[in-house]
All heavy atoms as atom14 arrays in JSON, in Angstrom:
{
  "sequence": "GALADPMCGVGTFLIEGAMMAADVAPNLRRERWGFSGWLGHVPAVW",
  "atom14_mask": [
    [1, 1, 1, 1, 0, 0, 0, 0, 0, 0, 0, 0, 0, 0],
    [1, 1, 1, 1, 1, 0, 0, 0, 0, 0, 0, 0, 0, 0],
    [1, 1, 1, 1, 1, 1, 1, 1, 0, 0, 0, 0, 0, 0],
    [1, 1, 1, 1, 1, 0, 0, 0, 0, 0, 0, 0, 0, 0],
    [1, 1, 1, 1, 1, 1, 1, 1, 0, 0, 0, 0, 0, 0],
    [1, 1, 1, 1, 1, 1, 1, 0, 0, 0, 0, 0, 0, 0],
    [1, 1, 1, 1, 1, 1, 1, 1, 0, 0, 0, 0, 0, 0],
    [1, 1, 1, 1, 1, 1, 0, 0, 0, 0, 0, 0, 0, 0],
    [1, 1, 1, 1, 0, 0, 0, 0, 0, 0, 0, 0, 0, 0],
    [1, 1, 1, 1, 1, 1, 1, 0, 0, 0, 0, 0, 0, 0],
    [1, 1, 1, 1, 0, 0, 0, 0, 0, 0, 0, 0, 0, 0],
    [1, 1, 1, 1, 1, 1, 1, 0, 0, 0, 0, 0, 0, 0],
    [1, 1, 1, 1, 1, 1, 1, 1, 1, 1, 1, 0, 0, 0],
    [1, 1, 1, 1, 1, 1, 1, 1, 0, 0, 0, 0, 0, 0],
    [1, 1, 1, 1, 1, 1, 1, 1, 0, 0, 0, 0, 0, 0],
    [1, 1, 1, 1, 1, 1, 1, 1, 1, 0, 0, 0, 0, 0],
    [1, 1, 1, 1, 0, 0, 0, 0, 0, 0, 0, 0, 0, 0],
    [1, 1, 1, 1, 1, 0, 0, 0, 0, 0, 0, 0, 0, 0],
    [1, 1, 1, 1, 1, 1, 1, 1, 0, 0, 0, 0, 0, 0],
    [1, 1, 1, 1, 1, 1, 1, 1, 0, 0, 0, 0, 0, 0],
    [1, 1, 1, 1, 1, 0, 0, 0, 0, 0, 0, 0, 0, 0],
    [1, 1, 1, 1, 1, 0, 0, 0, 0, 0, 0, 0, 0, 0],
    [1, 1, 1, 1, 1, 1, 1, 1, 0, 0, 0, 0, 0, 0],
    [1, 1, 1, 1, 1, 1, 1, 0, 0, 0, 0, 0, 0, 0],
    [1, 1, 1, 1, 1, 0, 0, 0, 0, 0, 0, 0, 0, 0],
    [1, 1, 1, 1, 1, 1, 1, 0, 0, 0, 0, 0, 0, 0],
    [1, 1, 1, 1, 1, 1, 1, 1, 0, 0, 0, 0, 0, 0],
    [1, 1, 1, 1, 1, 1, 1, 1, 0, 0, 0, 0, 0, 0],
    [1, 1, 1, 1, 1, 1, 1, 1, 1, 1, 1, 0, 0, 0],
    [1, 1, 1, 1, 1, 1, 1, 1, 1, 1, 1, 0, 0, 0],
    [1, 1, 1, 1, 1, 1, 1, 1, 1, 0, 0, 0, 0, 0],
    [1, 1, 1, 1, 1, 1, 1, 1, 1, 1, 1, 0, 0, 0],
    [1, 1, 1, 1, 1, 1, 1, 1, 1, 1, 1, 1, 1, 1],
    [1, 1, 1, 1, 0, 0, 0, 0, 0, 0, 0, 0, 0, 0],
    [1, 1, 1, 1, 1, 1, 1, 1, 1, 1, 1, 0, 0, 0],
    [1, 1, 1, 1, 1, 1, 0, 0, 0, 0, 0, 0, 0, 0],
    [1, 1, 1, 1, 0, 0, 0, 0, 0, 0, 0, 0, 0, 0],
    [1, 1, 1, 1, 1, 1, 1, 1, 1, 1, 1, 1, 1, 1],
    [1, 1, 1, 1, 1, 1, 1, 1, 0, 0, 0, 0, 0, 0],
    [1, 1, 1, 1, 0, 0, 0, 0, 0, 0, 0, 0, 0, 0],
    [1, 1, 1, 1, 1, 1, 1, 1, 1, 1, 0, 0, 0, 0],
    [1, 1, 1, 1, 1, 1, 1, 0, 0, 0, 0, 0, 0, 0],
    [1, 1, 1, 1, 1, 1, 1, 0, 0, 0, 0, 0, 0, 0],
    [1, 1, 1, 1, 1, 0, 0, 0, 0, 0, 0, 0, 0, 0],
    [1, 1, 1, 1, 1, 1, 1, 0, 0, 0, 0, 0, 0, 0],
    [1, 1, 1, 1, 1, 1, 1, 1, 1, 1, 1, 1, 1, 1]
  ],
  "atom14_positions": [
    [[26.95, 211.06, -6.27], [27.77, 211.71, -7.24], [28.4, 213.01, -6.81], [28.15, 213.51, -5.73], [0.0, 0.0, 0.0], [0.0, 0.0, 0.0], [0.0, 0.0, 0.0], [0.0, 0.0, 0.0], [0.0, 0.0, 0.0], [0.0, 0.0, 0.0], [0.0, 0.0, 0.0], [0.0, 0.0, 0.0], [0.0, 0.0, 0.0], [0.0, 0.0, 0.0]],
    [[29.25, 213.52, -7.64], [30.06, 214.72, -7.27], [29.47, 215.93, -8.07], [28.73, 215.78, -8.99], [31.56, 214.54, -7.71], [0.0, 0.0, 0.0], [0.0, 0.0, 0.0], [0.0, 0.0, 0.0], [0.0, 0.0, 0.0], [0.0, 0.0, 0.0], [0.0, 0.0, 0.0], [0.0, 0.0, 0.0], [0.0, 0.0, 0.0], [0.0, 0.0, 0.0]],
    [[29.85, 217.09, -7.58], [29.43, 218.35, -8.26], [30.62, 219.24, -8.39], [31.37, 219.55, -7.47], [28.34, 219.02, -7.43], [27.73, 220.38, -7.95], [26.94, 220.04, -9.16], [26.85, 221.07, -6.9], [0.0, 0.0, 0.0], [0.0, 0.0, 0.0], [0.0, 0.0, 0.0], [0.0, 0.0, 0.0], [0.0, 0.0, 0.0], [0.0, 0.0, 0.0]],
    [[30.76, 219.78, -9.66], [31.92, 220.69, -9.89], [31.44, 221.93, -10.7], [30.6, 221.74, -11.63], [33.03, 219.98, -10.6], [0.0, 0.0, 0.0], [0.0, 0.0, 0.0], [0.0, 0.0, 0.0], [0.0, 0.0, 0.0], [0.0, 0.0, 0.0], [0.0, 0.0, 0.0], [0.0, 0.0, 0.0], [0.0, 0.0, 0.0], [0.0, 0.0, 0.0]],
    [[31.96, 223.07, -10.31], [31.66, 224.27, -11.12], [32.95, 225.0, -11.5], [33.66, 225.42, -10.59], [30.79, 225.25, -10.26], [30.37, 226.53, -11.04], [30.96, 226.8, -12.09], [29.44, 227.25, -10.52], [0.0, 0.0, 0.0], [0.0, 0.0, 0.0], [0.0, 0.0, 0.0], [0.0, 0.0, 0.0], [0.0, 0.0, 0.0], [0.0, 0.0, 0.0]],
    [[33.28, 224.99, -12.79], [34.64, 225.52, -13.21], [34.71, 227.06, -13.23], [35.72, 227.64, -13.38], [34.79, 224.96, -14.66], [33.43, 224.68, -15.13], [32.55, 224.43, -13.88], [0.0, 0.0, 0.0], [0.0, 0.0, 0.0], [0.0, 0.0, 0.0], [0.0, 0.0, 0.0], [0.0, 0.0, 0.0], [0.0, 0.0, 0.0], [0.0, 0.0, 0.0]],
    [[33.48, 227.74, -13.01], [33.45, 229.2, -12.99], [32.52, 229.52, -11.91], [31.41, 230.1, -12.11], [32.93, 229.72, -14.32], [33.85, 229.44, -15.48], [33.05, 230.04, -17.05], [33.07, 228.49, -17.94], [0.0, 0.0, 0.0], [0.0, 0.0, 0.0], [0.0, 0.0, 0.0], [0.0, 0.0, 0.0], [0.0, 0.0, 0.0], [0.0, 0.0, 0.0]],
    [[32.85, 229.3, -10.6], [31.85, 229.3, -9.54], [31.49, 230.64, -9.03], [30.58, 230.78, -8.22], [32.33, 228.36, -8.49], [33.71, 229.02, -7.48], [0.0, 0.0, 0.0], [0.0, 0.0, 0.0], [0.0, 0.0, 0.0], [0.0, 0.0, 0.0], [0.0, 0.0, 0.0], [0.0, 0.0, 0.0], [0.0, 0.0, 0.0], [0.0, 0.0, 0.0]],
    [[32.16, 231.68, -9.41], [31.83, 233.01, -8.9], [31.83, 233.01, -7.36], [32.81, 232.62, -6.76], [0.0, 0.0, 0.0], [0.0, 0.0, 0.0], [0.0, 0.0, 0.0], [0.0, 0.0, 0.0], [0.0, 0.0, 0.0], [0.0, 0.0, 0.0], [0.0, 0.0, 0.0], [0.0, 0.0, 0.0], [0.0, 0.0, 0.0], [0.0, 0.0, 0.0]],
    [[30.66, 233.39, -6.75], [30.62, 233.39, -5.3], [30.03, 232.13, -4.76], [29.59, 232.12, -3.57], [29.96, 234.68, -4.73], [30.75, 235.89, -5.04], [28.55, 234.79, -5.33], [0.0, 0.0, 0.0], [0.0, 0.0, 0.0], [0.0, 0.0, 0.0], [0.0, 0.0, 0.0], [0.0, 0.0, 0.0], [0.0, 0.0, 0.0], [0.0, 0.0, 0.0]],
    [[29.89, 231.09, -5.57], [29.56, 229.79, -5.1], [28.09, 229.38, -4.99], [27.7, 228.46, -4.36], [0.0, 0.0, 0.0], [0.0, 0.0, 0.0], [0.0, 0.0, 0.0], [0.0, 0.0, 0.0], [0.0, 0.0, 0.0], [0.0, 0.0, 0.0], [0.0, 0.0, 0.0], [0.0, 0.0, 0.0], [0.0, 0.0, 0.0], [0.0, 0.0, 0.0]],
    [[27.17, 230.14, -5.75], [25.73, 229.93, -5.55], [25.27, 228.5, -5.98], [24.63, 227.85, -5.28], [24.91, 230.98, -6.44], [25.45, 232.28, -6.08], [23.5, 230.89, -6.07], [0.0, 0.0, 0.0], [0.0, 0.0, 0.0], [0.0, 0.0, 0.0], [0.0, 0.0, 0.0], [0.0, 0.0, 0.0], [0.0, 0.0, 0.0], [0.0, 0.0, 0.0]],
    [[25.81, 228.05, -7.14], [25.44, 226.64, -7.58], [25.82, 225.66, -6.49], [25.16, 224.66, -6.23], [26.09, 226.3, -8.93], [25.39, 226.78, -10.14], [26.02, 227.3, -11.18], [23.97, 226.55, -10.25], [25.29, 227.64, -12.35], [23.28, 226.93, -11.4], [23.93, 227.48, -12.41], [0.0, 0.0, 0.0], [0.0, 0.0, 0.0], [0.0, 0.0, 0.0]],
    [[27.08, 225.79, -5.97], [27.65, 224.86, -5.1], [26.89, 224.8, -3.82], [26.57, 223.73, -3.26], [29.11, 225.22, -4.81], [30.06, 225.31, -6.04], [31.35, 225.83, -5.63], [30.21, 224.01, -6.77], [0.0, 0.0, 0.0], [0.0, 0.0, 0.0], [0.0, 0.0, 0.0], [0.0, 0.0, 0.0], [0.0, 0.0, 0.0], [0.0, 0.0, 0.0]],
    [[26.54, 226.02, -3.3], [25.76, 226.05, -2.0], [24.37, 225.49, -2.18], [23.93, 224.69, -1.4], [25.73, 227.49, -1.52], [27.14, 227.97, -1.14], [24.8, 227.65, -0.31], [27.27, 229.48, -0.87], [0.0, 0.0, 0.0], [0.0, 0.0, 0.0], [0.0, 0.0, 0.0], [0.0, 0.0, 0.0], [0.0, 0.0, 0.0], [0.0, 0.0, 0.0]],
    [[23.66, 225.84, -3.2], [22.36, 225.32, -3.48], [22.38, 223.74, -3.66], [21.51, 223.06, -3.15], [21.71, 225.99, -4.68], [21.32, 227.48, -4.59], [20.28, 227.72, -3.46], [19.28, 226.96, -3.46], [20.49, 228.64, -2.67], [0.0, 0.0, 0.0], [0.0, 0.0, 0.0], [0.0, 0.0, 0.0], [0.0, 0.0, 0.0], [0.0, 0.0, 0.0]],
    [[23.43, 223.3, -4.37], [23.56, 221.93, -4.6], [23.85, 221.13, -3.36], [23.28, 220.06, -3.12], [0.0, 0.0, 0.0], [0.0, 0.0, 0.0], [0.0, 0.0, 0.0], [0.0, 0.0, 0.0], [0.0, 0.0, 0.0], [0.0, 0.0, 0.0], [0.0, 0.0, 0.0], [0.0, 0.0, 0.0], [0.0, 0.0, 0.0], [0.0, 0.0, 0.0]],
    [[24.71, 221.7, -2.5], [24.97, 221.05, -1.23], [23.79, 221.03, -0.36], [23.55, 220.01, 0.41], [26.19, 221.77, -0.56], [0.0, 0.0, 0.0], [0.0, 0.0, 0.0], [0.0, 0.0, 0.0], [0.0, 0.0, 0.0], [0.0, 0.0, 0.0], [0.0, 0.0, 0.0], [0.0, 0.0, 0.0], [0.0, 0.0, 0.0], [0.0, 0.0, 0.0]],
    [[23.01, 222.09, -0.29], [21.84, 222.13, 0.52], [20.81, 221.05, 0.12], [20.16, 220.42, 0.93], [21.14, 223.54, 0.52], [21.85, 224.57, 1.33], [20.91, 225.98, 1.79], [20.53, 226.71, 0.19], [0.0, 0.0, 0.0], [0.0, 0.0, 0.0], [0.0, 0.0, 0.0], [0.0, 0.0, 0.0], [0.0, 0.0, 0.0], [0.0, 0.0, 0.0]],
    [[20.68, 220.83, -1.18], [19.79, 219.74, -1.67], [20.31, 218.43, -1.22], [19.58, 217.55, -0.67], [19.73, 219.77, -3.22], [19.01, 220.94, -3.82], [19.04, 220.82, -5.67], [18.47, 222.41, -6.11], [0.0, 0.0, 0.0], [0.0, 0.0, 0.0], [0.0, 0.0, 0.0], [0.0, 0.0, 0.0], [0.0, 0.0, 0.0], [0.0, 0.0, 0.0]],
    [[21.65, 218.18, -1.43], [22.22, 216.85, -1.07], [22.18, 216.53, 0.42], [21.97, 215.37, 0.81], [23.61, 216.86, -1.59], [0.0, 0.0, 0.0], [0.0, 0.0, 0.0], [0.0, 0.0, 0.0], [0.0, 0.0, 0.0], [0.0, 0.0, 0.0], [0.0, 0.0, 0.0], [0.0, 0.0, 0.0], [0.0, 0.0, 0.0], [0.0, 0.0, 0.0]],
    [[22.29, 217.64, 1.21], [22.33, 217.41, 2.66], [20.97, 217.58, 3.33], [20.83, 217.46, 4.57], [23.36, 218.4, 3.31], [0.0, 0.0, 0.0], [0.0, 0.0, 0.0], [0.0, 0.0, 0.0], [0.0, 0.0, 0.0], [0.0, 0.0, 0.0], [0.0, 0.0, 0.0], [0.0, 0.0, 0.0], [0.0, 0.0, 0.0], [0.0, 0.0, 0.0]],
    [[19.9, 217.74, 2.52], [18.6, 217.86, 3.02], [18.41, 219.04, 3.97], [17.71, 219.03, 5.01], [18.11, 216.62, 3.72], [16.63, 216.48, 3.98], [15.85, 217.11, 3.21], [16.21, 215.8, 4.94], [0.0, 0.0, 0.0], [0.0, 0.0, 0.0], [0.0, 0.0, 0.0], [0.0, 0.0, 0.0], [0.0, 0.0, 0.0], [0.0, 0.0, 0.0]],
    [[19.02, 220.2, 3.59], [18.93, 221.41, 4.42], [17.85, 222.32, 3.77], [17.9, 222.54, 2.52], [20.27, 222.22, 4.39], [20.08, 223.49, 5.12], [21.29, 221.34, 5.01], [0.0, 0.0, 0.0], [0.0, 0.0, 0.0], [0.0, 0.0, 0.0], [0.0, 0.0, 0.0], [0.0, 0.0, 0.0], [0.0, 0.0, 0.0], [0.0, 0.0, 0.0]],
    [[16.84, 222.67, 4.58], [15.82, 223.61, 4.03], [16.47, 224.94, 3.66], [17.26, 225.49, 4.37], [14.77, 223.91, 5.16], [0.0, 0.0, 0.0], [0.0, 0.0, 0.0], [0.0, 0.0, 0.0], [0.0, 0.0, 0.0], [0.0, 0.0, 0.0], [0.0, 0.0, 0.0], [0.0, 0.0, 0.0], [0.0, 0.0, 0.0], [0.0, 0.0, 0.0]],
    [[16.16, 225.43, 2.42], [16.86, 226.58, 1.89], [16.68, 227.83, 2.72], [17.54, 228.76, 2.74], [16.26, 226.78, 0.49], [14.88, 226.06, 0.49], [15.13, 224.91, 1.46], [0.0, 0.0, 0.0], [0.0, 0.0, 0.0], [0.0, 0.0, 0.0], [0.0, 0.0, 0.0], [0.0, 0.0, 0.0], [0.0, 0.0, 0.0], [0.0, 0.0, 0.0]],
    [[15.59, 228.02, 3.42], [15.35, 229.17, 4.19], [15.41, 228.9, 5.71], [14.85, 229.69, 6.56], [14.05, 229.85, 3.85], [14.16, 230.56, 2.48], [14.93, 231.44, 2.31], [13.45, 230.06, 1.5], [0.0, 0.0, 0.0], [0.0, 0.0, 0.0], [0.0, 0.0, 0.0], [0.0, 0.0, 0.0], [0.0, 0.0, 0.0], [0.0, 0.0, 0.0]],
    [[16.14, 227.86, 6.11], [16.28, 227.55, 7.52], [16.85, 228.62, 8.35], [16.61, 228.82, 9.51], [17.06, 226.24, 7.62], [17.21, 225.6, 8.97], [15.79, 225.3, 9.58], [18.03, 224.28, 8.9], [0.0, 0.0, 0.0], [0.0, 0.0, 0.0], [0.0, 0.0, 0.0], [0.0, 0.0, 0.0], [0.0, 0.0, 0.0], [0.0, 0.0, 0.0]],
    [[17.8, 229.47, 7.75], [18.55, 230.43, 8.49], [17.81, 231.82, 8.56], [18.31, 232.75, 9.24], [19.96, 230.61, 8.0], [20.81, 229.36, 8.26], [22.11, 229.34, 7.48], [22.86, 228.19, 8.05], [23.82, 228.3, 8.95], [24.22, 229.49, 9.4], [24.47, 227.23, 9.4], [0.0, 0.0, 0.0], [0.0, 0.0, 0.0], [0.0, 0.0, 0.0]],
    [[16.73, 231.91, 7.91], [16.01, 233.17, 7.9], [15.35, 233.52, 9.22], [14.79, 232.64, 9.8], [14.93, 233.18, 6.83], [14.04, 234.39, 6.7], [12.99, 234.3, 5.61], [13.67, 234.38, 4.29], [13.22, 235.08, 3.36], [12.12, 235.85, 3.54], [13.8, 235.16, 2.2], [0.0, 0.0, 0.0], [0.0, 0.0, 0.0], [0.0, 0.0, 0.0]],
    [[15.51, 234.71, 9.76], [15.06, 234.99, 11.14], [13.72, 235.75, 11.04], [13.0, 235.61, 12.08], [16.07, 235.85, 11.89], [17.32, 234.98, 12.22], [18.43, 235.77, 12.82], [18.22, 237.06, 13.04], [19.5, 235.19, 13.03], [0.0, 0.0, 0.0], [0.0, 0.0, 0.0], [0.0, 0.0, 0.0], [0.0, 0.0, 0.0], [0.0, 0.0, 0.0]],
    [[13.51, 236.47, 10.0], [12.22, 237.21, 10.02], [11.42, 236.83, 8.75], [11.92, 236.74, 7.64], [12.49, 238.72, 10.06], [11.12, 239.49, 10.2], [11.36, 241.0, 10.48], [10.05, 241.67, 10.44], [9.27, 241.7, 11.46], [9.59, 241.17, 12.64], [8.1, 242.41, 11.36], [0.0, 0.0, 0.0], [0.0, 0.0, 0.0], [0.0, 0.0, 0.0]],
    [[10.06, 236.69, 8.95], [9.21, 236.23, 7.94], [8.0, 237.24, 7.71], [7.83, 238.01, 8.65], [8.55, 234.89, 8.27], [9.6, 233.85, 8.33], [10.46, 233.48, 9.35], [10.02, 232.92, 7.2], [11.29, 232.42, 9.01], [11.02, 232.09, 7.67], [9.58, 232.79, 5.89], [11.68, 231.2, 6.86], [10.16, 231.86, 5.07], [11.22, 231.04, 5.56]],
    [[7.31, 237.1, 6.69], [6.11, 238.0, 6.52], [5.05, 237.73, 7.53], [4.17, 238.54, 7.74], [0.0, 0.0, 0.0], [0.0, 0.0, 0.0], [0.0, 0.0, 0.0], [0.0, 0.0, 0.0], [0.0, 0.0, 0.0], [0.0, 0.0, 0.0], [0.0, 0.0, 0.0], [0.0, 0.0, 0.0], [0.0, 0.0, 0.0], [0.0, 0.0, 0.0]],
    [[5.02, 236.49, 8.1], [4.05, 236.2, 9.07], [4.48, 236.39, 10.5], [3.67, 236.22, 11.39], [3.6, 234.73, 8.88], [4.72, 233.67, 9.0], [5.28, 233.42, 10.19], [5.17, 233.08, 7.83], [6.33, 232.53, 10.22], [6.22, 232.18, 7.83], [6.8, 231.87, 9.02], [0.0, 0.0, 0.0], [0.0, 0.0, 0.0], [0.0, 0.0, 0.0]],
    [[5.71, 236.87, 10.68], [6.21, 237.04, 12.05], [5.36, 237.89, 12.93], [5.18, 237.69, 14.11], [7.65, 237.53, 12.06], [8.52, 236.63, 11.37], [0.0, 0.0, 0.0], [0.0, 0.0, 0.0], [0.0, 0.0, 0.0], [0.0, 0.0, 0.0], [0.0, 0.0, 0.0], [0.0, 0.0, 0.0], [0.0, 0.0, 0.0], [0.0, 0.0, 0.0]],
    [[4.82, 239.02, 12.34], [3.95, 239.98, 13.15], [2.56, 239.92, 12.76], [1.79, 240.77, 13.25], [0.0, 0.0, 0.0], [0.0, 0.0, 0.0], [0.0, 0.0, 0.0], [0.0, 0.0, 0.0], [0.0, 0.0, 0.0], [0.0, 0.0, 0.0], [0.0, 0.0, 0.0], [0.0, 0.0, 0.0], [0.0, 0.0, 0.0], [0.0, 0.0, 0.0]],
    [[2.13, 238.84, 11.99], [0.74, 238.67, 11.61], [-0.06, 238.09, 12.74], [0.34, 237.14, 13.36], [0.74, 237.78, 10.33], [-0.59, 237.32, 9.87], [-1.73, 238.08, 9.75], [-0.92, 236.02, 9.46], [-2.79, 237.35, 9.23], [-2.34, 236.05, 9.1], [-0.26, 234.78, 9.37], [-3.0, 234.89, 8.63], [-0.91, 233.63, 8.89], [-2.29, 233.73, 8.58]],
    [[-1.26, 238.68, 13.02], [-2.08, 238.18, 14.14], [-2.65, 236.76, 13.9], [-3.05, 236.05, 14.84], [-3.28, 239.2, 14.39], [-2.86, 240.57, 14.89], [-4.08, 241.37, 15.17], [-1.94, 240.43, 16.11], [0.0, 0.0, 0.0], [0.0, 0.0, 0.0], [0.0, 0.0, 0.0], [0.0, 0.0, 0.0], [0.0, 0.0, 0.0], [0.0, 0.0, 0.0]],
    [[-2.65, 236.33, 12.57], [-3.13, 234.96, 12.28], [-2.04, 233.91, 12.46], [-2.29, 232.67, 12.22], [0.0, 0.0, 0.0], [0.0, 0.0, 0.0], [0.0, 0.0, 0.0], [0.0, 0.0, 0.0], [0.0, 0.0, 0.0], [0.0, 0.0, 0.0], [0.0, 0.0, 0.0], [0.0, 0.0, 0.0], [0.0, 0.0, 0.0], [0.0, 0.0, 0.0]],
    [[-0.79, 234.29, 12.75], [0.33, 233.4, 12.8], [0.02, 232.34, 13.93], [-0.47, 232.62, 15.03], [1.57, 234.19, 13.18], [2.85, 233.42, 13.35], [3.14, 232.31, 12.65], [3.87, 233.57, 14.24], [4.22, 231.77, 13.02], [4.76, 232.55, 14.04], [0.0, 0.0, 0.0], [0.0, 0.0, 0.0], [0.0, 0.0, 0.0], [0.0, 0.0, 0.0]],
    [[0.4, 231.11, 13.68], [0.24, 230.04, 14.68], [1.6, 229.49, 15.03], [2.17, 228.57, 14.47], [-0.61, 228.83, 14.04], [-1.0, 227.82, 15.09], [-1.87, 229.38, 13.34], [0.0, 0.0, 0.0], [0.0, 0.0, 0.0], [0.0, 0.0, 0.0], [0.0, 0.0, 0.0], [0.0, 0.0, 0.0], [0.0, 0.0, 0.0], [0.0, 0.0, 0.0]],
    [[2.25, 230.09, 16.09], [3.63, 229.71, 16.45], [3.91, 228.28, 16.71], [4.94, 227.76, 16.39], [3.85, 230.6, 17.76], [2.9, 231.74, 17.59], [1.66, 231.16, 16.92], [0.0, 0.0, 0.0], [0.0, 0.0, 0.0], [0.0, 0.0, 0.0], [0.0, 0.0, 0.0], [0.0, 0.0, 0.0], [0.0, 0.0, 0.0], [0.0, 0.0, 0.0]],
    [[2.89, 227.54, 17.29], [3.12, 226.18, 17.6], [3.35, 225.3, 16.35], [4.29, 224.45, 16.37], [1.88, 225.61, 18.41], [0.0, 0.0, 0.0], [0.0, 0.0, 0.0], [0.0, 0.0, 0.0], [0.0, 0.0, 0.0], [0.0, 0.0, 0.0], [0.0, 0.0, 0.0], [0.0, 0.0, 0.0], [0.0, 0.0, 0.0], [0.0, 0.0, 0.0]],
    [[2.6, 225.6, 15.3], [2.81, 224.86, 14.05], [4.17, 225.17, 13.42], [4.93, 224.33, 12.98], [1.63, 225.15, 13.08], [1.88, 224.51, 11.7], [0.29, 224.76, 13.65], [0.0, 0.0, 0.0], [0.0, 0.0, 0.0], [0.0, 0.0, 0.0], [0.0, 0.0, 0.0], [0.0, 0.0, 0.0], [0.0, 0.0, 0.0], [0.0, 0.0, 0.0]],
    [[4.48, 226.49, 13.42], [5.72, 226.9, 12.89], [6.96, 226.31, 13.51], [7.87, 225.84, 12.95], [5.78, 228.46, 12.84], [7.13, 229.0, 12.44], [7.99, 229.74, 13.17], [7.71, 228.88, 11.15], [9.12, 229.99, 12.45], [8.94, 229.53, 11.15], [7.37, 228.24, 9.93], [9.87, 229.56, 10.07], [8.2, 228.26, 8.84], [9.46, 228.97, 8.95]]
  ]
}
């Protein structure tokens, strides 16, 4: 199906909707996490 927003502002609904439809993880582009400097972090799993 299609998605339309008649008052889209800066496009939040559209972007979130497209990420769901395209199977894109919402935080895929984040570079730093709360566990990035944690000593218990397991880089291989991440």
